[in-house]
PDB file of all heavy atoms in Angstrom:
ATOM      1  N   LEU A   1      17.904  -2.770  27.218  1.00  0.00           N
ATOM      2  CA  LEU A   1      19.244  -2.617  26.621  1.00  0.00           C
ATOM      3  C   LEU A   1      20.130  -3.816  26.819  1.00  0.00           C
ATOM      4  O   LEU A   1      21.160  -3.955  26.153  1.00  0.00           O
ATOM      5  CB  LEU A   1      19.900  -1.352  27.154  1.00  0.00           C
ATOM      6  CG  LEU A   1      19.210  -0.035  26.809  1.00  0.00           C
ATOM      7  CD1 LEU A   1      20.080   1.144  27.265  1.00  0.00           C
ATOM      8  CD2 LEU A   1      18.918   0.073  25.321  1.00  0.00           C
ATOM      9  N   GLY A   2      19.772  -4.696  27.748  1.00  0.00           N
ATOM     10  CA  GLY A   2      20.487  -5.947  27.905  1.00  0.00           C
ATOM     11  C   GLY A   2      22.001  -5.761  28.101  1.00  0.00           C
ATOM     12  O   GLY A   2      22.437  -5.032  28.996  1.00  0.00           O
ATOM     13  N   SER A   3      22.795  -6.384  27.256  1.00  0.00           N
ATOM     14  CA  SER A   3      24.249  -6.378  27.418  1.00  0.00           C
ATOM     15  C   SER A   3      24.887  -5.042  27.066  1.00  0.00           C
ATOM     16  O   SER A   3      26.097  -4.883  27.185  1.00  0.00           O
ATOM     17  CB  SER A   3      24.863  -7.474  26.526  1.00  0.00           C
ATOM     18  OG  SER A   3      24.560  -7.223  25.140  1.00  0.00           O
ATOM     19  N   ALA A   4      24.075  -4.049  26.634  1.00  0.00           N
ATOM     20  CA  ALA A   4      24.634  -2.737  26.310  1.00  0.00           C
ATOM     21  C   ALA A   4      24.767  -1.862  27.547  1.00  0.00           C
ATOM     22  O   ALA A   4      25.377  -0.792  27.500  1.00  0.00           O
ATOM     23  CB  ALA A   4      23.757  -2.019  25.273  1.00  0.00           C
ATOM     24  N   VAL A   5      24.197  -2.277  28.693  1.00  0.00           N
ATOM     25  CA  VAL A   5      24.257  -1.464  29.897  1.00  0.00           C
ATOM     26  C   VAL A   5      24.900  -2.263  31.038  1.00  0.00           C
ATOM     27  O   VAL A   5      24.686  -3.468  31.133  1.00  0.00           O
ATOM     28  CB  VAL A   5      22.858  -0.953  30.303  1.00  0.00           C
ATOM     29  CG1 VAL A   5      21.923  -2.096  30.653  1.00  0.00           C
ATOM     30  CG2 VAL A   5      22.929   0.029  31.452  1.00  0.00           C
ATOM     31  N   HIS A   6      25.698  -1.589  31.852  1.00  0.00           N
ATOM     32  CA  HIS A   6      26.455  -2.252  32.914  1.00  0.00           C
ATOM     33  C   HIS A   6      26.391  -1.420  34.192  1.00  0.00           C
ATOM     34  O   HIS A   6      26.351  -0.178  34.146  1.00  0.00           O
ATOM     35  CB  HIS A   6      27.895  -2.462  32.474  1.00  0.00           C
ATOM     36  CG  HIS A   6      28.012  -3.272  31.220  1.00  0.00           C
ATOM     37  ND1 HIS A   6      28.117  -4.663  31.233  1.00  0.00           N
ATOM     38  CD2 HIS A   6      28.002  -2.904  29.894  1.00  0.00           C
ATOM     39  CE1 HIS A   6      28.169  -5.100  29.972  1.00  0.00           C
ATOM     40  NE2 HIS A   6      28.102  -4.043  29.169  1.00  0.00           N
ATOM     41  N   LEU A   7      26.425  -2.122  35.314  1.00  0.00           N
ATOM     42  CA  LEU A   7      26.386  -1.496  36.619  1.00  0.00           C
ATOM     43  C   LEU A   7      27.739  -1.727  37.331  1.00  0.00           C
ATOM     44  O   LEU A   7      28.103  -2.887  37.555  1.00  0.00           O
ATOM     45  CB  LEU A   7      25.252  -2.061  37.474  1.00  0.00           C
ATOM     46  CG  LEU A   7      25.147  -1.600  38.922  1.00  0.00           C
ATOM     47  CD1 LEU A   7      24.847  -0.088  38.974  1.00  0.00           C
ATOM     48  CD2 LEU A   7      24.065  -2.376  39.627  1.00  0.00           C
ATOM     49  N   ILE A   8      28.425  -0.638  37.651  1.00  0.00           N
ATOM     50  CA  ILE A   8      29.698  -0.761  38.363  1.00  0.00           C
ATOM     51  C   ILE A   8      29.545  -0.148  39.772  1.00  0.00           C
ATOM     52  O   ILE A   8      29.082   1.001  39.885  1.00  0.00           O
ATOM     53  CB  ILE A   8      30.823  -0.064  37.602  1.00  0.00           C
ATOM     54  CG1 ILE A   8      31.072  -0.790  36.274  1.00  0.00           C
ATOM     55  CG2 ILE A   8      32.111   0.024  38.429  1.00  0.00           C
ATOM     56  CD1 ILE A   8      32.164  -0.216  35.408  1.00  0.00           C
ATOM     57  N   CYS A   9      29.882  -0.941  40.790  1.00  0.00           N
ATOM     58  CA  CYS A   9      29.650  -0.547  42.173  1.00  0.00           C
ATOM     59  C   CYS A   9      30.957  -0.497  42.946  1.00  0.00           C
ATOM     60  O   CYS A   9      31.904  -1.258  42.663  1.00  0.00           O
ATOM     61  CB  CYS A   9      28.700  -1.523  42.852  1.00  0.00           C
ATOM     62  SG  CYS A   9      27.052  -1.625  42.124  1.00  0.00           S
ATOM     63  N   VAL A  10      30.990   0.378  43.935  1.00  0.00           N
ATOM     64  CA  VAL A  10      32.103   0.441  44.881  1.00  0.00           C
ATOM     65  C   VAL A  10      31.523   0.154  46.245  1.00  0.00           C
ATOM     66  O   VAL A  10      30.530   0.770  46.665  1.00  0.00           O
ATOM     67  CB  VAL A  10      32.774   1.822  44.862  1.00  0.00           C
ATOM     68  CG1 VAL A  10      33.886   1.895  45.932  1.00  0.00           C
ATOM     69  CG2 VAL A  10      33.360   2.145  43.506  1.00  0.00           C
ATOM     70  N   HIS A  11      32.149  -0.820  46.952  1.00  0.00           N
ATOM     71  CA  HIS A  11      31.659  -1.234  48.261  1.00  0.00           C
ATOM     72  C   HIS A  11      32.648  -0.812  49.320  1.00  0.00           C
ATOM     73  O   HIS A  11      33.884  -0.942  49.138  1.00  0.00           O
ATOM     74  CB  HIS A  11      31.488  -2.761  48.295  1.00  0.00           C
ATOM     75  CG  HIS A  11      30.703  -3.305  47.126  1.00  0.00           C
ATOM     76  ND1 HIS A  11      29.341  -3.425  47.155  1.00  0.00           N
ATOM     77  CD2 HIS A  11      31.100  -3.745  45.920  1.00  0.00           C
ATOM     78  CE1 HIS A  11      28.913  -3.942  46.008  1.00  0.00           C
ATOM     79  NE2 HIS A  11      29.968  -4.136  45.231  1.00  0.00           N
ATOM     80  N   SER A  12      32.140  -0.330  50.438  1.00  0.00           N
ATOM     81  CA  SER A  12      32.996   0.064  51.549  1.00  0.00           C
ATOM     82  C   SER A  12      33.529  -1.209  52.231  1.00  0.00           C
ATOM     83  O   SER A  12      33.027  -2.288  51.991  1.00  0.00           O
ATOM     84  CB  SER A  12      32.197   0.895  52.560  1.00  0.00           C
ATOM     85  OG  SER A  12      31.256   0.082  53.240  1.00  0.00           O
ATOM     86  N   PRO A  13      34.518  -1.065  53.117  1.00  0.00           N
ATOM     87  CA  PRO A  13      35.061  -2.234  53.816  1.00  0.00           C
ATOM     88  C   PRO A  13      33.999  -2.997  54.590  1.00  0.00           C
ATOM     89  O   PRO A  13      34.127  -4.229  54.773  1.00  0.00           O
ATOM     90  CB  PRO A  13      36.110  -1.646  54.736  1.00  0.00           C
ATOM     91  CG  PRO A  13      36.558  -0.389  54.039  1.00  0.00           C
ATOM     92  CD  PRO A  13      35.295   0.136  53.379  1.00  0.00           C
ATOM     93  N   ASP A  14      32.946  -2.342  55.059  1.00  0.00           N
ATOM     94  CA  ASP A  14      31.884  -3.020  55.798  1.00  0.00           C
ATOM     95  C   ASP A  14      30.680  -3.401  54.928  1.00  0.00           C
ATOM     96  O   ASP A  14      29.602  -3.719  55.413  1.00  0.00           O
ATOM     97  CB  ASP A  14      31.414  -2.173  57.004  1.00  0.00           C
ATOM     98  CG  ASP A  14      30.941  -0.786  56.577  1.00  0.00           C
ATOM     99  OD1 ASP A  14      31.136  -0.404  55.397  1.00  0.00           O
ATOM    100  OD2 ASP A  14      30.406  -0.057  57.433  1.00  0.00           O
ATOM    101  N   GLY A  15      30.875  -3.361  53.573  1.00  0.00           N
ATOM    102  CA  GLY A  15      29.879  -3.871  52.650  1.00  0.00           C
ATOM    103  C   GLY A  15      28.814  -2.882  52.235  1.00  0.00           C
ATOM    104  O   GLY A  15      27.832  -3.270  51.559  1.00  0.00           O
ATOM    105  N   VAL A  16      28.925  -1.605  52.572  1.00  0.00           N
ATOM    106  CA  VAL A  16      27.951  -0.599  52.186  1.00  0.00           C
ATOM    107  C   VAL A  16      28.221  -0.149  50.750  1.00  0.00           C
ATOM    108  O   VAL A  16      29.387  -0.003  50.331  1.00  0.00           O
ATOM    109  CB  VAL A  16      27.995   0.606  53.156  1.00  0.00           C
ATOM    110  CG1 VAL A  16      27.080   1.720  52.685  1.00  0.00           C
ATOM    111  CG2 VAL A  16      27.623   0.149  54.571  1.00  0.00           C
ATOM    112  N   LEU A  17      27.142   0.086  49.990  1.00  0.00           N
ATOM    113  CA  LEU A  17      27.274   0.615  48.637  1.00  0.00           C
ATOM    114  C   LEU A  17      27.678   2.077  48.730  1.00  0.00           C
ATOM    115  O   LEU A  17      26.879   2.935  49.066  1.00  0.00           O
ATOM    116  CB  LEU A  17      25.965   0.476  47.857  1.00  0.00           C
ATOM    117  CG  LEU A  17      25.998   0.822  46.363  1.00  0.00           C
ATOM    118  CD1 LEU A  17      26.952  -0.094  45.610  1.00  0.00           C
ATOM    119  CD2 LEU A  17      24.615   0.773  45.753  1.00  0.00           C
ATOM    120  N   ALA A  18      28.946   2.375  48.445  1.00  0.00           N
ATOM    121  CA  ALA A  18      29.517   3.710  48.602  1.00  0.00           C
ATOM    122  C   ALA A  18      29.373   4.565  47.369  1.00  0.00           C
ATOM    123  O   ALA A  18      29.215   5.794  47.450  1.00  0.00           O
ATOM    124  CB  ALA A  18      30.980   3.610  48.989  1.00  0.00           C
ATOM    125  N   ALA A  19      29.423   3.947  46.199  1.00  0.00           N
ATOM    126  CA  ALA A  19      29.259   4.671  44.926  1.00  0.00           C
ATOM    127  C   ALA A  19      28.899   3.639  43.866  1.00  0.00           C
ATOM    128  O   ALA A  19      29.234   2.460  43.973  1.00  0.00           O
ATOM    129  CB  ALA A  19      30.535   5.403  44.537  1.00  0.00           C
ATOM    130  N   ALA A  20      28.175   4.086  42.850  1.00  0.00           N
ATOM    131  CA  ALA A  20      27.767   3.198  41.785  1.00  0.00           C
ATOM    132  C   ALA A  20      27.408   3.991  40.543  1.00  0.00           C
ATOM    133  O   ALA A  20      26.980   5.148  40.651  1.00  0.00           O
ATOM    134  CB  ALA A  20      26.609   2.303  42.190  1.00  0.00           C
ATOM    135  N   GLY A  21      27.576   3.383  39.378  1.00  0.00           N
ATOM    136  CA  GLY A  21      27.243   4.056  38.145  1.00  0.00           C
ATOM    137  C   GLY A  21      26.787   3.105  37.065  1.00  0.00           C
ATOM    138  O   GLY A  21      27.219   1.936  37.024  1.00  0.00           O
ATOM    139  N   LEU A  22      25.920   3.592  36.184  1.00  0.00           N
ATOM    140  CA  LEU A  22      25.519   2.860  35.004  1.00  0.00           C
ATOM    141  C   LEU A  22      26.366   3.338  33.836  1.00  0.00           C
ATOM    142  O   LEU A  22      26.512   4.548  33.607  1.00  0.00           O
ATOM    143  CB  LEU A  22      24.034   3.090  34.724  1.00  0.00           C
ATOM    144  CG  LEU A  22      23.030   2.434  35.650  1.00  0.00           C
ATOM    145  CD1 LEU A  22      21.632   2.910  35.315  1.00  0.00           C
ATOM    146  CD2 LEU A  22      23.128   0.924  35.602  1.00  0.00           C
ATOM    147  N   TYR A  23      26.907   2.379  33.089  1.00  0.00           N
ATOM    148  CA  TYR A  23      27.745   2.674  31.914  1.00  0.00           C
ATOM    149  C   TYR A  23      27.172   1.900  30.745  1.00  0.00           C
ATOM    150  O   TYR A  23      26.581   0.813  30.920  1.00  0.00           O
ATOM    151  CB  TYR A  23      29.173   2.263  32.187  1.00  0.00           C
ATOM    152  CG  TYR A  23      29.867   3.035  33.277  1.00  0.00           C
ATOM    153  CD1 TYR A  23      29.626   2.704  34.613  1.00  0.00           C
ATOM    154  CD2 TYR A  23      30.746   4.075  32.974  1.00  0.00           C
ATOM    155  CE1 TYR A  23      30.254   3.406  35.652  1.00  0.00           C
ATOM    156  CE2 TYR A  23      31.365   4.762  34.008  1.00  0.00           C
ATOM    157  CZ  TYR A  23      31.128   4.438  35.334  1.00  0.00           C
ATOM    158  OH  TYR A  23      31.734   5.141  36.327  1.00  0.00           O
ATOM    159  N   THR A  24      27.337   2.438  29.566  1.00  0.00           N
ATOM    160  CA  THR A  24      26.857   1.725  28.366  1.00  0.00           C
ATOM    161  C   THR A  24      28.062   1.427  27.467  1.00  0.00           C
ATOM    162  O   THR A  24      29.113   2.071  27.560  1.00  0.00           O
ATOM    163  CB  THR A  24      25.845   2.572  27.594  1.00  0.00           C
ATOM    164  OG1 THR A  24      26.478   3.764  27.129  1.00  0.00           O
ATOM    165  CG2 THR A  24      24.649   2.916  28.464  1.00  0.00           C
ATOM    166  N   SER A  25      27.842   0.455  26.586  1.00  0.00           N
ATOM    167  CA  SER A  25      28.893   0.077  25.653  1.00  0.00           C
ATOM    168  C   SER A  25      28.253  -0.443  24.364  1.00  0.00           C
ATOM    169  O   SER A  25      27.580  -1.464  24.362  1.00  0.00           O
ATOM    170  CB  SER A  25      29.780  -1.017  26.265  1.00  0.00           C
ATOM    171  OG  SER A  25      30.696  -1.550  25.317  1.00  0.00           O
ATOM    172  N   VAL A  26      28.500   0.289  23.263  1.00  0.00           N
ATOM    173  CA  VAL A  26      28.004  -0.097  21.939  1.00  0.00           C
ATOM    174  C   VAL A  26      29.015   0.364  20.910  1.00  0.00           C
ATOM    175  O   VAL A  26      29.494   1.511  20.957  1.00  0.00           O
ATOM    176  CB  VAL A  26      26.640   0.550  21.626  1.00  0.00           C
ATOM    177  CG1 VAL A  26      26.256   0.359  20.148  1.00  0.00           C
ATOM    178  CG2 VAL A  26      25.529  -0.050  22.513  1.00  0.00           C
ATOM    179  N   GLY A  27      29.382  -0.529  20.007  1.00  0.00           N
ATOM    180  CA  GLY A  27      30.243  -0.167  18.888  1.00  0.00           C
ATOM    181  C   GLY A  27      31.593   0.392  19.287  1.00  0.00           C
ATOM    182  O   GLY A  27      32.143   1.255  18.581  1.00  0.00           O
ATOM    183  N   GLY A  28      32.159  -0.083  20.403  1.00  0.00           N
ATOM    184  CA  GLY A  28      33.470   0.373  20.797  1.00  0.00           C
ATOM    185  C   GLY A  28      33.459   1.690  21.577  1.00  0.00           C
ATOM    186  O   GLY A  28      34.541   2.168  21.958  1.00  0.00           O
ATOM    187  N   ILE A  29      32.305   2.222  21.810  1.00  0.00           N
ATOM    188  CA  ILE A  29      32.178   3.484  22.582  1.00  0.00           C
ATOM    189  C   ILE A  29      31.489   3.192  23.910  1.00  0.00           C
ATOM    190  O   ILE A  29      30.329   2.726  23.940  1.00  0.00           O
ATOM    191  CB  ILE A  29      31.402   4.559  21.804  1.00  0.00           C
ATOM    192  CG1 ILE A  29      32.066   4.858  20.472  1.00  0.00           C
ATOM    193  CG2 ILE A  29      31.268   5.815  22.642  1.00  0.00           C
ATOM    194  CD1 ILE A  29      31.260   5.785  19.578  1.00  0.00           C
ATOM    195  N   ALA A  30      32.174   3.444  25.030  1.00  0.00           N
ATOM    196  CA  ALA A  30      31.579   3.301  26.348  1.00  0.00           C
ATOM    197  C   ALA A  30      31.221   4.698  26.851  1.00  0.00           C
ATOM    198  O   ALA A  30      31.907   5.687  26.574  1.00  0.00           O
ATOM    199  CB  ALA A  30      32.569   2.654  27.308  1.00  0.00           C
ATOM    200  N   GLN A  31      30.115   4.746  27.579  1.00  0.00           N
ATOM    201  CA  GLN A  31      29.616   6.035  28.078  1.00  0.00           C
ATOM    202  C   GLN A  31      29.297   5.910  29.574  1.00  0.00           C
ATOM    203  O   GLN A  31      28.702   4.898  30.010  1.00  0.00           O
ATOM    204  CB  GLN A  31      28.334   6.455  27.358  1.00  0.00           C
ATOM    205  CG  GLN A  31      28.437   6.596  25.871  1.00  0.00           C
ATOM    206  CD  GLN A  31      28.821   8.009  25.455  1.00  0.00           C
ATOM    207  OE1 GLN A  31      29.031   8.868  26.303  1.00  0.00           O
ATOM    208  NE2 GLN A  31      28.920   8.203  24.144  1.00  0.00           N
ATOM    209  N   ALA A  32      29.696   6.903  30.356  1.00  0.00           N
ATOM    210  CA  ALA A  32      29.209   7.037  31.716  1.00  0.00           C
ATOM    211  C   ALA A  32      27.804   7.623  31.658  1.00  0.00           C
ATOM    212  O   ALA A  32      27.622   8.729  31.125  1.00  0.00           O
ATOM    213  CB  ALA A  32      30.136   7.910  32.558  1.00  0.00           C
ATOM    214  N   HIS A  33      26.797   6.915  32.155  1.00  0.00           N
ATOM    215  CA  HIS A  33      25.412   7.336  31.935  1.00  0.00           C
ATOM    216  C   HIS A  33      24.855   8.058  33.165  1.00  0.00           C
ATOM    217  O   HIS A  33      24.543   9.233  33.108  1.00  0.00           O
ATOM    218  CB  HIS A  33      24.549   6.126  31.580  1.00  0.00           C
ATOM    219  CG  HIS A  33      23.164   6.463  31.143  1.00  0.00           C
ATOM    220  ND1 HIS A  33      22.915   7.286  30.082  1.00  0.00           N
ATOM    221  CD2 HIS A  33      21.945   6.073  31.639  1.00  0.00           C
ATOM    222  CE1 HIS A  33      21.586   7.400  29.919  1.00  0.00           C
ATOM    223  NE2 HIS A  33      21.000   6.691  30.854  1.00  0.00           N
ATOM    224  N   LEU A  34      24.731   7.342  34.289  1.00  0.00           N
ATOM    225  CA  LEU A  34      24.213   7.919  35.517  1.00  0.00           C
ATOM    226  C   LEU A  34      25.001   7.367  36.698  1.00  0.00           C
ATOM    227  O   LEU A  34      25.392   6.194  36.679  1.00  0.00           O
ATOM    228  CB  LEU A  34      22.740   7.597  35.711  1.00  0.00           C
ATOM    229  CG  LEU A  34      21.766   8.040  34.608  1.00  0.00           C
ATOM    230  CD1 LEU A  34      20.383   7.455  34.842  1.00  0.00           C
ATOM    231  CD2 LEU A  34      21.677   9.554  34.507  1.00  0.00           C
ATOM    232  N   ALA A  35      25.226   8.197  37.733  1.00  0.00           N
ATOM    233  CA  ALA A  35      26.020   7.737  38.867  1.00  0.00           C
ATOM    234  C   ALA A  35      25.586   8.430  40.148  1.00  0.00           C
ATOM    235  O   ALA A  35      24.983   9.504  40.132  1.00  0.00           O
ATOM    236  CB  ALA A  35      27.512   7.986  38.619  1.00  0.00           C
ATOM    237  N   GLY A  36      25.943   7.816  41.268  1.00  0.00           N
ATOM    238  CA  GLY A  36      25.653   8.414  42.577  1.00  0.00           C
ATOM    239  C   GLY A  36      26.670   7.960  43.597  1.00  0.00           C
ATOM    240  O   GLY A  36      27.400   6.984  43.377  1.00  0.00           O
ATOM    241  N   ASN A  37      26.718   8.636  44.701  1.00  0.00           N
ATOM    242  CA  ASN A  37      27.626   8.274  45.778  1.00  0.00           C
ATOM    243  C   ASN A  37      27.027   8.608  47.148  1.00  0.00           C
ATOM    244  O   ASN A  37      26.182   9.485  47.264  1.00  0.00           O
ATOM    245  CB  ASN A  37      29.001   8.960  45.625  1.00  0.00           C
ATOM    246  CG  ASN A  37      28.874  10.467  45.612  1.00  0.00           C
ATOM    247  OD1 ASN A  37      28.827  11.087  46.678  1.00  0.00           O
ATOM    248  ND2 ASN A  37      28.812  11.068  44.436  1.00  0.00           N
ATOM    249  N   LEU A  38      27.491   7.871  48.173  1.00  0.00           N
ATOM    250  CA  LEU A  38      26.958   8.050  49.511  1.00  0.00           C
ATOM    251  C   LEU A  38      27.698   9.221  50.187  1.00  0.00           C
ATOM    252  O   LEU A  38      28.933   9.257  50.196  1.00  0.00           O
ATOM    253  CB  LEU A  38      27.154   6.785  50.308  1.00  0.00           C
ATOM    254  CG  LEU A  38      26.243   6.597  51.532  1.00  0.00           C
ATOM    255  CD1 LEU A  38      24.787   6.597  51.144  1.00  0.00           C
ATOM    256  CD2 LEU A  38      26.610   5.270  52.225  1.00  0.00           C
ATOM    257  N   GLU A  39      26.919  10.124  50.746  1.00  0.00           N
ATOM    258  CA  GLU A  39      27.510  11.382  51.283  1.00  0.00           C
ATOM    259  C   GLU A  39      28.543  11.132  52.364  1.00  0.00           C
ATOM    260  O   GLU A  39      29.554  11.810  52.462  1.00  0.00           O
ATOM    261  CB  GLU A  39      26.391  12.287  51.816  1.00  0.00           C
ATOM    262  CG  GLU A  39      26.878  13.628  52.278  1.00  0.00           C
ATOM    263  CD  GLU A  39      25.723  14.565  52.671  1.00  0.00           C
ATOM    264  OE1 GLU A  39      24.624  14.036  52.929  1.00  0.00           O
ATOM    265  OE2 GLU A  39      25.967  15.768  52.770  1.00  0.00           O
ATOM    266  N   ARG A  40      28.327  10.135  53.211  1.00  0.00           N
ATOM    267  CA  ARG A  40      29.242   9.928  54.333  1.00  0.00           C
ATOM    268  C   ARG A  40      30.614   9.456  53.944  1.00  0.00           C
ATOM    269  O   ARG A  40      31.557   9.496  54.723  1.00  0.00           O
ATOM    270  CB  ARG A  40      28.611   8.971  55.382  1.00  0.00           C
ATOM    271  CG  ARG A  40      28.546   7.513  54.985  1.00  0.00           C
ATOM    272  CD  ARG A  40      27.854   6.785  56.151  1.00  0.00           C
ATOM    273  NE  ARG A  40      27.606   5.382  55.891  1.00  0.00           N
ATOM    274  CZ  ARG A  40      28.409   4.406  56.296  1.00  0.00           C
ATOM    275  NH1 ARG A  40      29.556   4.700  56.918  1.00  0.00           N
ATOM    276  NH2 ARG A  40      28.084   3.136  56.087  1.00  0.00           N
ATOM    277  N   PHE A  41      30.774   9.064  52.653  1.00  0.00           N
ATOM    278  CA  PHE A  41      32.114   8.658  52.182  1.00  0.00           C
ATOM    279  C   PHE A  41      32.718   9.737  51.329  1.00  0.00           C
ATOM    280  O   PHE A  41      33.717   9.516  50.634  1.00  0.00           O
ATOM    281  CB  PHE A  41      32.011   7.351  51.374  1.00  0.00           C
ATOM    282  CG  PHE A  41      31.644   6.162  52.211  1.00  0.00           C
ATOM    283  CD1 PHE A  41      30.456   5.486  51.999  1.00  0.00           C
ATOM    284  CD2 PHE A  41      32.506   5.674  53.190  1.00  0.00           C
ATOM    285  CE1 PHE A  41      30.104   4.396  52.764  1.00  0.00           C
ATOM    286  CE2 PHE A  41      32.180   4.589  53.957  1.00  0.00           C
ATOM    287  CZ  PHE A  41      30.967   3.953  53.742  1.00  0.00           C
ATOM    288  N   GLY A  42      32.137  10.937  51.347  1.00  0.00           N
ATOM    289  CA  GLY A  42      32.599  12.028  50.484  1.00  0.00           C
ATOM    290  C   GLY A  42      34.069  12.332  50.615  1.00  0.00           C
ATOM    291  O   GLY A  42      34.739  12.652  49.626  1.00  0.00           O
ATOM    292  N   ARG A  43      34.626  12.229  51.815  1.00  0.00           N
ATOM    293  CA  ARG A  43      36.016  12.630  52.033  1.00  0.00           C
ATOM    294  C   ARG A  43      37.020  11.703  51.342  1.00  0.00           C
ATOM    295  O   ARG A  43      38.109  12.123  50.995  1.00  0.00           O
ATOM    296  CB  ARG A  43      36.317  12.699  53.535  1.00  0.00           C
ATOM    297  CG  ARG A  43      35.556  13.786  54.260  1.00  0.00           C
ATOM    298  CD  ARG A  43      36.004  13.936  55.677  1.00  0.00           C
ATOM    299  NE  ARG A  43      37.386  14.443  55.759  1.00  0.00           N
ATOM    300  CZ  ARG A  43      37.997  14.701  56.888  1.00  0.00           C
ATOM    301  NH1 ARG A  43      37.400  14.481  58.066  1.00  0.00           N
ATOM    302  NH2 ARG A  43      39.239  15.122  56.887  1.00  0.00           N
TER     303      ARG A  43
END
């Protein structure tokens, strides 16, 4: 999918990947595709 798919990440203050999601963008429509988050940052 090349430039149609994007990875957006959230990093904790100590550099841990706390949450991340794949998003797509085609023809002016962006979509949240798949995402996950680290349980210890749930609060």
